[in-house]
Amino acid sequence: MKILVLGSKGQLGRCLRDQLCRTKNKVVYASRNEIDIGDLLNTQKIIRELKPEVIVNAAAYTAVDIAEVELW
């Protein structure tokens, strides 16, 4: 199975790497430098090219103090 893990350099992404390395799955790890999920068109393009069977979104917004006051 081909798995794409977004947010691979965060805490959850690193934990997933530790666990998924023990499987026979083909795993593609992508940090924000490789796939910025804030850029929808580019994200769609890359996902279409990679053709993963499973996508795990481990990306997170970690500026909690700012997130509490910032309006989207």
N, C-alpha and C. Protein backbone atom coordinates (compact mmCIF):
# COMPACT_ATOMS: atom_id res chain seq x y z
N MET A 1 0.84 -1.16 0.00
CA MET A 1 0.00 0.00 0.00
C MET A 1 0.89 1.23 0.00
N LYS A 2 0.51 2.25 -0.74
CA LYS A 2 1.26 3.49 -0.79
C LYS A 2 0.56 4.51 0.11
N ILE A 3 1.31 5.02 1.09
CA ILE A 3 0.78 5.94 2.09
C ILE A 3 1.52 7.27 1.99
N LEU A 4 0.78 8.36 2.01
CA LEU A 4 1.37 9.70 2.06
C LEU A 4 1.11 10.27 3.44
N VAL A 5 2.18 10.66 4.12
CA VAL A 5 2.06 11.28 5.45
C VAL A 5 2.42 12.75 5.32
N LEU A 6 1.44 13.61 5.55
CA LEU A 6 1.67 15.06 5.54
C LEU A 6 2.03 15.50 6.95
N GLY A 7 2.89 16.50 7.05
CA GLY A 7 3.30 16.97 8.37
C GLY A 7 4.31 16.03 9.02
N SER A 8 5.20 15.51 8.20
CA SER A 8 6.10 14.45 8.67
C SER A 8 7.16 14.90 9.67
N LYS A 9 7.39 16.20 9.81
CA LYS A 9 8.42 16.66 10.74
C LYS A 9 7.86 17.06 12.09
N GLY A 10 6.55 17.02 12.24
CA GLY A 10 5.92 17.33 13.52
C GLY A 10 5.97 16.13 14.45
N GLN A 11 5.45 16.32 15.65
CA GLN A 11 5.49 15.26 16.66
C GLN A 11 4.74 14.01 16.19
N LEU A 12 3.53 14.18 15.70
CA LEU A 12 2.75 13.03 15.23
C LEU A 12 3.40 12.41 13.99
N GLY A 13 3.87 13.24 13.08
CA GLY A 13 4.52 12.73 11.88
C GLY A 13 5.74 11.88 12.19
N ARG A 14 6.52 12.31 13.17
CA ARG A 14 7.71 11.53 13.57
C ARG A 14 7.30 10.21 14.21
N CYS A 15 6.24 10.23 15.02
CA CYS A 15 5.75 8.98 15.63
C CYS A 15 5.26 8.02 14.55
N LEU A 16 4.57 8.55 13.55
CA LEU A 16 4.11 7.69 12.45
C LEU A 16 5.29 7.09 11.71
N ARG A 17 6.33 7.86 11.49
CA ARG A 17 7.53 7.34 10.82
C ARG A 17 8.12 6.18 11.62
N ASP A 18 8.19 6.35 12.93
CA ASP A 18 8.73 5.28 13.78
C ASP A 18 7.92 3.99 13.66
N GLN A 19 6.61 4.13 13.55
CA GLN A 19 5.74 2.95 13.48
C GLN A 19 5.67 2.37 12.07
N LEU A 20 5.54 3.22 11.07
CA LEU A 20 5.34 2.74 9.70
C LEU A 20 6.61 2.13 9.10
N CYS A 21 7.77 2.45 9.66
CA CYS A 21 9.00 1.85 9.14
C CYS A 21 9.03 0.34 9.41
N ARG A 22 8.17 -0.11 10.30
CA ARG A 22 8.11 -1.54 10.64
C ARG A 22 7.16 -2.31 9.72
N THR A 23 6.52 -1.61 8.80
CA THR A 23 5.57 -2.26 7.90
C THR A 23 6.19 -2.43 6.51
N LYS A 24 5.49 -3.12 5.65
CA LYS A 24 5.96 -3.32 4.29
C LYS A 24 5.35 -2.30 3.32
N ASN A 25 4.65 -1.32 3.86
CA ASN A 25 4.03 -0.30 3.03
C ASN A 25 5.08 0.63 2.45
N LYS A 26 4.77 1.17 1.27
CA LYS A 26 5.60 2.23 0.71
C LYS A 26 5.06 3.52 1.28
N VAL A 27 5.90 4.26 2.00
CA VAL A 27 5.44 5.47 2.67
C VAL A 27 6.23 6.67 2.14
N VAL A 28 5.49 7.72 1.77
CA VAL A 28 6.09 8.97 1.35
C VAL A 28 5.83 9.97 2.47
N TYR A 29 6.89 10.53 3.02
CA TYR A 29 6.78 11.50 4.10
C TYR A 29 6.99 12.88 3.52
N ALA A 30 6.08 13.80 3.82
CA ALA A 30 6.18 15.15 3.29
C ALA A 30 6.01 16.17 4.40
N SER A 31 6.98 17.05 4.51
CA SER A 31 6.86 18.17 5.44
C SER A 31 6.27 19.36 4.69
N ARG A 32 6.10 20.45 5.38
CA ARG A 32 5.55 21.65 4.73
C ARG A 32 6.44 22.11 3.59
N ASN A 33 7.76 21.85 3.68
CA ASN A 33 8.66 22.24 2.60
C ASN A 33 8.33 21.51 1.31
N GLU A 34 7.90 20.26 1.41
CA GLU A 34 7.57 19.48 0.22
C GLU A 34 6.12 19.70 -0.24
N ILE A 35 5.19 19.70 0.70
CA ILE A 35 3.78 19.91 0.39
C ILE A 35 3.20 20.87 1.42
N ASP A 36 2.90 22.08 0.98
CA ASP A 36 2.27 23.07 1.85
C ASP A 36 0.77 22.96 1.65
N ILE A 37 0.06 22.38 2.62
CA ILE A 37 -1.37 22.15 2.46
C ILE A 37 -2.17 23.45 2.40
N GLY A 38 -1.54 24.57 2.66
CA GLY A 38 -2.19 25.87 2.50
C GLY A 38 -2.31 26.26 1.04
N ASP A 39 -1.55 25.58 0.18
CA ASP A 39 -1.58 25.82 -1.26
C ASP A 39 -2.35 24.67 -1.91
N LEU A 40 -3.67 24.82 -1.99
CA LEU A 40 -4.54 23.74 -2.42
C LEU A 40 -4.21 23.23 -3.82
N LEU A 41 -4.00 24.11 -4.77
CA LEU A 41 -3.75 23.67 -6.15
C LEU A 41 -2.47 22.85 -6.26
N ASN A 42 -1.41 23.30 -5.62
CA ASN A 42 -0.16 22.55 -5.67
C ASN A 42 -0.28 21.23 -4.91
N THR A 43 -1.00 21.25 -3.78
CA THR A 43 -1.22 20.02 -3.01
C THR A 43 -1.96 18.99 -3.85
N GLN A 44 -3.02 19.43 -4.54
CA GLN A 44 -3.77 18.52 -5.41
C GLN A 44 -2.88 17.95 -6.50
N LYS A 45 -2.07 18.80 -7.10
CA LYS A 45 -1.17 18.37 -8.18
C LYS A 45 -0.21 17.28 -7.70
N ILE A 46 0.41 17.51 -6.56
CA ILE A 46 1.38 16.54 -6.03
C ILE A 46 0.69 15.23 -5.67
N ILE A 47 -0.48 15.31 -5.05
CA ILE A 47 -1.20 14.09 -4.67
C ILE A 47 -1.58 13.29 -5.92
N ARG A 48 -2.00 13.98 -6.96
CA ARG A 48 -2.33 13.27 -8.22
C ARG A 48 -1.10 12.58 -8.80
N GLU A 49 0.05 13.23 -8.69
CA GLU A 49 1.29 12.65 -9.21
C GLU A 49 1.73 11.44 -8.38
N LEU A 50 1.61 11.54 -7.06
CA LEU A 50 2.05 10.46 -6.17
C LEU A 50 1.09 9.27 -6.17
N LYS A 51 -0.20 9.55 -6.35
CA LYS A 51 -1.24 8.52 -6.36
C LYS A 51 -1.21 7.61 -5.12
N PRO A 52 -1.24 8.22 -3.93
CA PRO A 52 -1.26 7.39 -2.72
C PRO A 52 -2.63 6.72 -2.55
N GLU A 53 -2.62 5.57 -1.91
CA GLU A 53 -3.88 4.89 -1.59
C GLU A 53 -4.46 5.44 -0.29
N VAL A 54 -3.59 5.93 0.59
CA VAL A 54 -3.99 6.48 1.88
C VAL A 54 -3.22 7.77 2.11
N ILE A 55 -3.92 8.78 2.62
CA ILE A 55 -3.27 10.03 3.01
C ILE A 55 -3.53 10.24 4.49
N VAL A 56 -2.45 10.44 5.24
CA VAL A 56 -2.55 10.74 6.67
C VAL A 56 -2.13 12.20 6.85
N ASN A 57 -3.06 13.02 7.31
CA ASN A 57 -2.75 14.42 7.54
C ASN A 57 -2.34 14.62 8.99
N ALA A 58 -1.04 14.66 9.22
CA ALA A 58 -0.51 14.89 10.56
C ALA A 58 -0.04 16.34 10.71
N ALA A 59 -0.37 17.17 9.74
CA ALA A 59 0.01 18.58 9.80
C ALA A 59 -0.80 19.27 10.89
N ALA A 60 -0.18 20.23 11.55
CA ALA A 60 -0.86 20.92 12.65
C ALA A 60 -0.45 22.38 12.70
N TYR A 61 -1.35 23.19 13.17
CA TYR A 61 -1.08 24.59 13.43
C TYR A 61 -0.71 24.68 14.90
N THR A 62 0.52 25.02 15.18
CA THR A 62 1.01 24.91 16.56
C THR A 62 1.11 26.23 17.32
N ALA A 63 0.77 27.33 16.67
CA ALA A 63 0.82 28.62 17.36
C ALA A 63 -0.51 28.80 18.11
N VAL A 64 -0.67 28.08 19.21
CA VAL A 64 -1.94 28.02 19.93
C VAL A 64 -2.39 29.40 20.40
N ASP A 65 -1.51 30.19 20.96
CA ASP A 65 -1.89 31.51 21.46
C ASP A 65 -2.44 32.38 20.34
N ILE A 66 -1.80 32.35 19.19
CA ILE A 66 -2.25 33.14 18.05
C ILE A 66 -3.56 32.57 17.51
N ALA A 67 -3.69 31.28 17.47
CA ALA A 67 -4.90 30.64 16.94
C ALA A 67 -6.14 31.02 17.74
N GLU A 68 -5.97 31.28 19.03
CA GLU A 68 -7.10 31.63 19.87
C GLU A 68 -7.65 33.01 19.57
N VAL A 69 -6.85 33.89 18.99
CA VAL A 69 -7.31 35.25 18.71
C VAL A 69 -7.42 35.54 17.21
N GLU A 70 -6.78 34.73 16.40
CA GLU A 70 -6.77 34.97 14.96
C GLU A 70 -8.08 34.52 14.33
N LEU A 71 -8.65 35.34 13.51
CA LEU A 71 -9.90 35.01 12.83
C LEU A 71 -9.58 34.63 11.39
N TRP A 72 -10.23 33.59 10.91
CA TRP A 72 -10.01 33.16 9.53
C TRP A 72 -11.07 33.67 8.67
